[in-house]
Protein backbone atom coordinates (compact mmCIF):
# COMPACT_ATOMS: atom_id res chain seq x y z
CA MET A 1 -22.85 2.06 13.74
CA LYS A 2 -22.37 5.42 12.05
CA THR A 3 -22.84 5.79 8.29
CA ILE A 4 -20.13 7.90 6.67
CA GLU A 5 -21.47 7.41 3.17
CA GLU A 6 -23.24 4.63 1.33
CA GLY A 7 -21.00 1.56 1.61
CA LEU A 8 -18.83 2.93 4.44
CA TYR A 9 -19.74 2.57 8.09
CA VAL A 10 -17.78 3.15 11.30
CA HIS A 11 -18.22 1.18 14.50
CA ASN A 12 -15.85 1.03 17.50
CA GLY A 13 -13.05 2.77 15.60
CA PHE A 14 -13.10 0.49 12.54
CA ALA A 15 -14.54 0.95 9.07
CA TYR A 16 -16.92 -1.60 7.56
CA GLY A 17 -18.79 -1.99 4.29
CA VAL A 18 -17.98 -2.46 0.65
CA LEU A 19 -15.74 0.62 0.47
CA ALA A 20 -13.69 -0.52 3.47
CA ASP A 21 -13.42 -4.00 1.95
CA ALA A 22 -12.19 -2.52 -1.34
CA ALA A 23 -9.56 -0.46 0.50
CA LEU A 24 -8.31 -3.55 2.33
CA ARG A 25 -8.10 -5.49 -0.95
CA ARG A 26 -5.99 -2.68 -2.48
CA PHE A 27 -3.77 -2.73 0.60
CA VAL A 28 -3.26 -6.52 0.30
CA GLU A 29 -2.48 -6.24 -3.42
CA THR A 30 0.03 -3.47 -2.74
CA GLY A 31 1.78 -5.71 -0.23
CA ARG A 32 2.02 -8.45 -2.86
CA ARG A 33 3.47 -6.02 -5.37
CA ILE A 34 6.07 -4.73 -2.90
CA TYR A 35 7.06 -8.27 -1.94
CA ARG A 36 7.49 -9.15 -5.64
CA LEU A 37 9.54 -5.98 -6.23
CA GLN A 38 11.87 -6.92 -3.39
CA GLU A 39 12.36 -10.37 -4.91
CA GLU A 40 13.08 -8.99 -8.39
CA ALA A 41 14.99 -5.82 -7.39
CA ASN A 42 18.39 -7.15 -8.46
CA THR A 43 17.12 -7.58 -12.03
CA MET A 44 15.84 -3.97 -12.30
CA THR A 45 17.47 -0.64 -12.83
CA ASP A 46 16.93 2.05 -10.20
CA ALA A 47 14.50 3.82 -12.53
CA GLU A 48 12.47 0.67 -13.09
CA LEU A 49 12.35 -0.09 -9.37
CA PHE A 50 11.31 3.50 -8.64
CA TYR A 51 8.58 3.34 -11.29
CA TRP A 52 7.10 0.04 -10.08
CA MET A 53 7.28 1.08 -6.42
CA TYR A 54 5.52 4.32 -7.32
CA ARG A 55 2.83 2.36 -9.18
CA ALA A 56 2.35 -0.05 -6.27
CA LEU A 57 1.90 2.78 -3.77
CA LYS A 58 -0.34 4.72 -6.13
CA HIS A 59 -2.55 1.63 -6.45
CA CYS A 60 -2.94 1.61 -2.67
CA THR A 61 -3.55 5.32 -2.13
CA GLN A 62 -5.39 5.97 -5.41
CA GLY A 63 -3.74 9.37 -5.43
CA GLU A 64 -0.42 11.08 -5.79
CA VAL A 65 2.55 9.56 -4.00
CA ASN A 66 5.44 11.56 -2.58
CA ALA A 67 8.49 10.90 -4.77
CA THR A 68 10.84 11.38 -1.80
CA TRP A 69 9.04 8.58 0.05
CA VAL A 70 9.32 6.30 -2.99
CA ALA A 71 13.05 7.10 -3.35
CA HIS A 72 13.56 6.31 0.35
CA LEU A 73 11.84 2.93 0.01
CA VAL A 74 13.81 2.11 -3.16
CA GLY A 75 17.02 3.01 -1.32
CA GLN A 76 16.11 0.67 1.51
CA ILE A 77 15.43 -2.17 -0.93
CA ARG A 78 18.80 -1.53 -2.63
CA ARG A 79 20.53 -1.72 0.77
CA GLY A 80 18.90 -5.10 1.40
CA VAL A 81 16.36 -3.96 3.98
CA ARG A 82 13.19 -6.05 3.79
CA LEU A 83 10.11 -3.86 3.81
CA GLU A 84 7.29 -5.16 5.98
CA TRP A 85 3.77 -4.55 4.73
CA SER A 86 1.41 -5.81 7.39
CA VAL A 87 -2.28 -5.88 6.60
CA PRO A 88 -4.83 -5.44 9.37
CA GLU A 89 -7.95 -7.61 9.48
CA ARG A 90 -10.11 -4.51 9.84
CA LEU A 91 -9.57 -0.98 8.57
CA PRO A 92 -8.87 1.39 11.48
CA CYS A 93 -10.80 4.65 11.27
CA VAL A 94 -10.00 7.85 13.10
């Protein structure tokens, strides 16, 4: 097992430790938020849907999110496409 930094370890191509666990929890929460947005999309304006999608993705990445990507996902939701947000059991590491 290779230590990347305190709380993050890599073994056999997967990340382990408290930092990896925190990242997976954020990923799960983002999936919940996106699912909820898809359920409530017909009650929101485009601007509201864009804002909440941006916030959900920013929660996951903890950084800036590409507005074009957010607009694309909002467009898919408006067209009735169900977004799939699958969560792995372990965090893959390159």
